[in-house]
PDB file of N, CA and C in Angstrom:
ATOM      1  N   MET A   1       0.769  -1.189   0.013  1.00  0.00           N
ATOM      2  CA  MET A   1       0.018   0.013   0.003  1.00  0.00           C
ATOM      3  C   MET A   1       0.891   1.194   0.071  1.00  0.00           C
ATOM      4  N   GLY A   2       0.283   2.356  -0.183  1.00  0.00           N
ATOM      5  CA  GLY A   2       0.966   3.637  -0.176  1.00  0.00           C
ATOM      6  C   GLY A   2       1.545   3.972  -1.586  1.00  0.00           C
ATOM      7  N   ARG A   3       1.104   3.158  -2.585  1.00  0.00           N
ATOM      8  CA  ARG A   3       1.605   3.458  -3.976  1.00  0.00           C
ATOM      9  C   ARG A   3       0.653   4.406  -4.635  1.00  0.00           C
ATOM     10  N   GLY A   4      -0.577   4.726  -4.119  1.00  0.00           N
ATOM     11  CA  GLY A   4      -1.599   5.497  -4.676  1.00  0.00           C
ATOM     12  C   GLY A   4      -1.147   6.837  -5.153  1.00  0.00           C
ATOM     13  N   ARG A   5      -0.457   7.649  -4.216  1.00  0.00           N
ATOM     14  CA  ARG A   5       0.103   8.865  -4.589  1.00  0.00           C
ATOM     15  C   ARG A   5       1.226   8.828  -5.637  1.00  0.00           C
ATOM     16  N   ALA A   6       2.075   7.926  -5.517  1.00  0.00           N
ATOM     17  CA  ALA A   6       3.183   7.793  -6.403  1.00  0.00           C
ATOM     18  C   ALA A   6       2.658   7.459  -7.845  1.00  0.00           C
ATOM     19  N   LYS A   7       1.747   6.532  -7.834  1.00  0.00           N
ATOM     20  CA  LYS A   7       1.135   6.081  -9.143  1.00  0.00           C
ATOM     21  C   LYS A   7       0.505   7.273  -9.796  1.00  0.00           C
ATOM     22  N   ALA A   8      -0.329   7.935  -8.962  1.00  0.00           N
ATOM     23  CA  ALA A   8      -1.063   9.163  -9.450  1.00  0.00           C
ATOM     24  C   ALA A   8      -0.206  10.229 -10.073  1.00  0.00           C
ATOM     25  N   LYS A   9       0.955  10.417  -9.402  1.00  0.00           N
ATOM     26  CA  LYS A   9       1.970  11.404  -9.899  1.00  0.00           C
ATOM     27  C   LYS A   9       2.594  10.912 -11.152  1.00  0.00           C
ATOM     28  N   GLN A  10       2.944   9.643 -11.245  1.00  0.00           N
ATOM     29  CA  GLN A  10       3.545   9.069 -12.416  1.00  0.00           C
ATOM     30  C   GLN A  10       2.482   9.274 -13.620  1.00  0.00           C
ATOM     31  N   THR A  11       1.219   8.817 -13.395  1.00  0.00           N
ATOM     32  CA  THR A  11       0.201   9.101 -14.406  1.00  0.00           C
ATOM     33  C   THR A  11       0.042  10.447 -14.864  1.00  0.00           C
ATOM     34  N   LYS A  12       0.061  11.362 -13.892  1.00  0.00           N
ATOM     35  CA  LYS A  12      -0.038  12.840 -14.258  1.00  0.00           C
ATOM     36  C   LYS A  12       1.108  13.412 -15.129  1.00  0.00           C
ATOM     37  N   VAL A  13       2.345  12.910 -14.796  1.00  0.00           N
ATOM     38  CA  VAL A  13       3.525  13.245 -15.559  1.00  0.00           C
ATOM     39  C   VAL A  13       3.478  12.606 -16.887  1.00  0.00           C
ATOM     40  N   ALA A  14       3.004  11.368 -16.977  1.00  0.00           N
ATOM     41  CA  ALA A  14       2.900  10.655 -18.271  1.00  0.00           C
ATOM     42  C   ALA A  14       1.976  11.361 -19.166  1.00  0.00           C
ATOM     43  N   ARG A  15       0.809  11.749 -18.622  1.00  0.00           N
ATOM     44  CA  ARG A  15      -0.090  12.548 -19.402  1.00  0.00           C
ATOM     45  C   ARG A  15       0.400  13.840 -19.849  1.00  0.00           C
ATOM     46  N   GLU A  16       1.100  14.513 -19.063  1.00  0.00           N
ATOM     47  CA  GLU A  16       1.601  15.824 -19.480  1.00  0.00           C
ATOM     48  C   GLU A  16       2.657  15.650 -20.625  1.00  0.00           C
ATOM     49  N   LEU A  17       3.498  14.648 -20.566  1.00  0.00           N
ATOM     50  CA  LEU A  17       4.469  14.366 -21.557  1.00  0.00           C
ATOM     51  C   LEU A  17       3.798  13.975 -22.877  1.00  0.00           C
ATOM     52  N   LYS A  18       2.727  13.177 -22.697  1.00  0.00           N
ATOM     53  CA  LYS A  18       2.023  12.680 -23.900  1.00  0.00           C
ATOM     54  C   LYS A  18       1.287  13.793 -24.685  1.00  0.00           C
ATOM     55  N   TYR A  19       0.610  14.564 -23.947  1.00  0.00           N
ATOM     56  CA  TYR A  19      -0.246  15.479 -24.602  1.00  0.00           C
ATOM     57  C   TYR A  19       0.199  16.936 -24.704  1.00  0.00           C
ATOM     58  N   SER A  20       1.402  17.187 -24.193  1.00  0.00           N
ATOM     59  CA  SER A  20       1.870  18.560 -24.186  1.00  0.00           C
ATOM     60  C   SER A  20       2.646  18.768 -25.536  1.00  0.00           C
ATOM     61  N   THR A  21       2.758  19.911 -25.983  1.00  0.00           N
ATOM     62  CA  THR A  21       3.442  20.240 -27.242  1.00  0.00           C
ATOM     63  C   THR A  21       4.697  21.013 -26.879  1.00  0.00           C
ATOM     64  N   HIS A  22       5.893  20.662 -27.515  1.00  0.00           N
ATOM     65  CA  HIS A  22       7.032  21.415 -27.241  1.00  0.00           C
ATOM     66  C   HIS A  22       7.629  21.915 -28.500  1.00  0.00           C
ATOM     67  N   ASP A  23       8.198  23.182 -28.422  1.00  0.00           N
ATOM     68  CA  ASP A  23       8.788  23.810 -29.612  1.00  0.00           C
ATOM     69  C   ASP A  23      10.235  23.260 -29.664  1.00  0.00           C
ATOM     70  N   THR A  24      10.569  22.530 -30.835  1.00  0.00           N
ATOM     71  CA  THR A  24      11.851  22.001 -30.994  1.00  0.00           C
ATOM     72  C   THR A  24      12.736  22.808 -31.740  1.00  0.00           C
ATOM     73  N   ASP A  25      13.925  23.087 -31.230  1.00  0.00           N
ATOM     74  CA  ASP A  25      14.857  23.990 -32.010  1.00  0.00           C
ATOM     75  C   ASP A  25      15.731  23.000 -32.859  1.00  0.00           C
ATOM     76  N   PHE A  26      15.321  22.853 -34.142  1.00  0.00           N
ATOM     77  CA  PHE A  26      16.013  21.884 -34.937  1.00  0.00           C
ATOM     78  C   PHE A  26      17.416  22.254 -35.274  1.00  0.00           C
ATOM     79  N   ASP A  27      17.662  23.601 -35.319  1.00  0.00           N
ATOM     80  CA  ASP A  27      19.036  24.089 -35.732  1.00  0.00           C
ATOM     81  C   ASP A  27      19.948  23.799 -34.585  1.00  0.00           C
ATOM     82  N   ALA A  28      19.505  23.896 -33.225  1.00  0.00           N
ATOM     83  CA  ALA A  28      20.299  23.652 -32.242  1.00  0.00           C
ATOM     84  C   ALA A  28      20.575  22.095 -32.096  1.00  0.00           C
ATOM     85  N   LEU A  29      19.551  21.286 -32.373  1.00  0.00           N
ATOM     86  CA  LEU A  29      19.677  19.804 -32.474  1.00  0.00           C
ATOM     87  C   LEU A  29      20.677  19.396 -33.540  1.00  0.00           C
ATOM     88  N   GLN A  30      20.695  19.992 -34.679  1.00  0.00           N
ATOM     89  CA  GLN A  30      21.588  19.747 -35.781  1.00  0.00           C
ATOM     90  C   GLN A  30      23.014  20.062 -35.390  1.00  0.00           C
ATOM     91  N   ARG A  31      23.216  21.161 -34.627  1.00  0.00           N
ATOM     92  CA  ARG A  31      24.514  21.551 -34.232  1.00  0.00           C
ATOM     93  C   ARG A  31      25.055  20.531 -33.176  1.00  0.00           C
ATOM     94  N   GLU A  32      24.071  20.105 -32.270  1.00  0.00           N
ATOM     95  CA  GLU A  32      24.461  19.097 -31.185  1.00  0.00           C
ATOM     96  C   GLU A  32      24.939  17.745 -31.790  1.00  0.00           C
ATOM     97  N   LEU A  33      24.132  17.283 -32.824  1.00  0.00           N
ATOM     98  CA  LEU A  33      24.310  16.052 -33.442  1.00  0.00           C
ATOM     99  C   LEU A  33      25.623  16.074 -34.246  1.00  0.00           C
ATOM    100  N   SER A  34      25.797  17.149 -34.967  1.00  0.00           N
ATOM    101  CA  SER A  34      27.072  17.246 -35.788  1.00  0.00           C
ATOM    102  C   SER A  34      28.277  17.579 -35.120  1.00  0.00           C
ATOM    103  N   GLY A  35      28.238  18.016 -33.739  1.00  0.00           N
ATOM    104  CA  GLY A  35      29.457  18.259 -32.947  1.00  0.00           C
ATOM    105  C   GLY A  35      30.017  19.520 -33.145  1.00  0.00           C
ATOM    106  N   LYS A  36      29.291  20.385 -34.002  1.00  0.00           N
ATOM    107  CA  LYS A  36      29.875  21.764 -34.352  1.00  0.00           C
ATOM    108  C   LYS A  36      29.132  22.772 -33.376  1.00  0.00           C
ATOM    109  N   SER A  37      29.932  22.946 -32.239  1.00  0.00           N
ATOM    110  CA  SER A  37      29.400  23.917 -31.236  1.00  0.00           C
ATOM    111  C   SER A  37      30.520  24.894 -30.844  1.00  0.00           C
ATOM    112  N   SER A  38      30.188  25.976 -30.504  1.00  0.00           N
ATOM    113  CA  SER A  38      31.210  26.909 -30.009  1.00  0.00           C
ATOM    114  C   SER A  38      31.591  26.596 -28.604  1.00  0.00           C
ATOM    115  N   GLN A  39      30.813  25.812 -27.879  1.00  0.00           N
ATOM    116  CA  GLN A  39      31.112  25.418 -26.523  1.00  0.00           C
ATOM    117  C   GLN A  39      31.813  24.062 -26.500  1.00  0.00           C
ATOM    118  N   ASN A  40      32.220  23.588 -27.616  1.00  0.00           N
ATOM    119  CA  ASN A  40      32.721  22.134 -27.667  1.00  0.00           C
ATOM    120  C   ASN A  40      34.045  22.011 -26.827  1.00  0.00           C
ATOM    121  N   SER A  41      34.840  22.841 -26.916  1.00  0.00           N
ATOM    122  CA  SER A  41      36.049  22.744 -26.122  1.00  0.00           C
ATOM    123  C   SER A  41      35.805  22.911 -24.666  1.00  0.00           C
ATOM    124  N   HIS A  42      34.850  23.698 -24.257  1.00  0.00           N
ATOM    125  CA  HIS A  42      34.445  23.843 -22.928  1.00  0.00           C
ATOM    126  C   HIS A  42      33.745  22.549 -22.415  1.00  0.00           C
ATOM    127  N   ASP A  43      32.983  21.872 -23.211  1.00  0.00           N
ATOM    128  CA  ASP A  43      32.375  20.573 -22.806  1.00  0.00           C
ATOM    129  C   ASP A  43      33.484  19.564 -22.518  1.00  0.00           C
ATOM    130  N   GLU A  44      34.611  19.559 -23.218  1.00  0.00           N
ATOM    131  CA  GLU A  44      35.560  18.470 -23.049  1.00  0.00           C
ATOM    132  C   GLU A  44      36.266  18.820 -21.646  1.00  0.00           C
ATOM    133  N   ASP A  45      36.457  20.140 -21.340  1.00  0.00           N
ATOM    134  CA  ASP A  45      37.098  20.392 -20.088  1.00  0.00           C
ATOM    135  C   ASP A  45      36.182  20.068 -18.904  1.00  0.00           C
ATOM    136  N   GLU A  46      34.837  20.032 -19.122  1.00  0.00           N
ATOM    137  CA  GLU A  46      33.954  19.802 -18.032  1.00  0.00           C
ATOM    138  C   GLU A  46      34.068  18.421 -17.482  1.00  0.00           C
ATOM    139  N   PHE A  47      34.403  17.487 -18.480  1.00  0.00           N
ATOM    140  CA  PHE A  47      34.560  15.966 -17.930  1.00  0.00           C
ATOM    141  C   PHE A  47      36.052  15.620 -17.704  1.00  0.00           C
ATOM    142  N   LYS A  48      36.882  16.612 -17.782  1.00  0.00           N
ATOM    143  CA  LYS A  48      38.360  16.249 -17.538  1.00  0.00           C
ATOM    144  C   LYS A  48      38.526  16.041 -16.012  1.00  0.00           C
ATOM    145  N   ASP A  49      39.251  14.992 -15.677  1.00  0.00           N
ATOM    146  CA  ASP A  49      39.635  14.786 -14.218  1.00  0.00           C
ATOM    147  C   ASP A  49      40.739  15.650 -13.827  1.00  0.00           C
ATOM    148  N   PRO A  50      40.416  16.615 -12.884  1.00  0.00           N
ATOM    149  CA  PRO A  50      41.497  17.563 -12.396  1.00  0.00           C
ATOM    150  C   PRO A  50      42.467  16.911 -11.760  1.00  0.00           C
ATOM    151  N   TYR A  51      42.386  15.746 -11.271  1.00  0.00           N
ATOM    152  CA  TYR A  51      43.516  14.975 -10.487  1.00  0.00           C
ATOM    153  C   TYR A  51      44.233  14.043 -11.323  1.00  0.00           C
ATOM    154  N   ALA A  52      43.869  13.877 -12.528  1.00  0.00           N
ATOM    155  CA  ALA A  52      44.542  12.937 -13.443  1.00  0.00           C
ATOM    156  C   ALA A  52      45.992  13.519 -13.683  1.00  0.00           C
ATOM    157  N   ILE A  53      46.946  12.591 -13.773  1.00  0.00           N
ATOM    158  CA  ILE A  53      48.373  12.929 -13.976  1.00  0.00           C
ATOM    159  C   ILE A  53      48.488  12.858 -15.569  1.00  0.00           C
ATOM    160  N   GLU A  54      48.931  13.980 -16.041  1.00  0.00           N
ATOM    161  CA  GLU A  54      49.145  14.149 -17.466  1.00  0.00           C
ATOM    162  C   GLU A  54      50.614  13.678 -17.742  1.00  0.00           C
ATOM    163  N   ASP A  55      50.850  13.251 -18.952  1.00  0.00           N
ATOM    164  CA  ASP A  55      52.201  12.783 -19.416  1.00  0.00           C
ATOM    165  C   ASP A  55      53.175  14.029 -19.454  1.00  0.00           C
ATOM    166  N   ASP A  56      52.673  15.127 -19.599  1.00  0.00           N
ATOM    167  CA  ASP A  56      53.626  16.323 -19.755  1.00  0.00           C
ATOM    168  C   ASP A  56      53.633  17.079 -18.432  1.00  0.00           C
ATOM    169  N   ASP A  57      53.195  16.537 -17.447  1.00  0.00           N
ATOM    170  CA  ASP A  57      53.224  17.077 -16.019  1.00  0.00           C
ATOM    171  C   ASP A  57      54.571  16.931 -15.456  1.00  0.00           C
ATOM    172  N   GLU A  58      55.291  17.998 -15.173  1.00  0.00           N
ATOM    173  CA  GLU A  58      56.635  18.002 -14.696  1.00  0.00           C
ATOM    174  C   GLU A  58      56.699  17.403 -13.289  1.00  0.00           C
ATOM    175  N   ASP A  59      55.693  17.806 -12.452  1.00  0.00           N
ATOM    176  CA  ASP A  59      55.717  17.305 -11.116  1.00  0.00           C
ATOM    177  C   ASP A  59      55.605  15.718 -10.996  1.00  0.00           C
ATOM    178  N   TYR A  60      55.102  15.122 -12.049  1.00  0.00           N
ATOM    179  CA  TYR A  60      54.846  13.729 -11.992  1.00  0.00           C
ATOM    180  C   TYR A  60      56.182  12.962 -11.945  1.00  0.00           C
ATOM    181  N   ASP A  61      57.198  13.536 -12.616  1.00  0.00           N
ATOM    182  CA  ASP A  61      58.528  12.915 -12.660  1.00  0.00           C
ATOM    183  C   ASP A  61      59.137  12.718 -11.355  1.00  0.00           C
ATOM    184  N   ASP A  62      58.885  13.648 -10.376  1.00  0.00           N
ATOM    185  CA  ASP A  62      59.419  13.509  -9.014  1.00  0.00           C
ATOM    186  C   ASP A  62      58.685  12.424  -8.259  1.00  0.00           C
ATOM    187  N   TYR A  63      57.482  12.127  -8.662  1.00  0.00           N
ATOM    188  CA  TYR A  63      56.806  11.030  -7.869  1.00  0.00           C
ATOM    189  C   TYR A  63      57.179   9.575  -8.380  1.00  0.00           C
ATOM    190  N   ARG A  64      57.550   9.534  -9.608  1.00  0.00           N
ATOM    191  CA  ARG A  64      57.888   8.225 -10.251  1.00  0.00           C
ATOM    192  C   ARG A  64      59.214   7.695  -9.735  1.00  0.00           C
ATOM    193  N   ARG A  65      60.067   8.469  -9.216  1.00  0.00           N
ATOM    194  CA  ARG A  65      61.443   8.024  -8.721  1.00  0.00           C
ATOM    195  C   ARG A  65      61.347   7.386  -7.485  1.00  0.00           C
TER     196      ARG A  65
END
């Protein structure tokens, strides 16, 4: 028991998604799919590990010895 509210909310959300209309920006979608974005280099930096040791990192040589 206790699923009544959760199920009602899921049903409400599903109906909103099914019957609502959204304006689609096809130009932005095309840019995203083709990978041609002005923020492309920024996106790569977003997922870069700040603690990863780079090959060109000079401080890393001190730790390998």
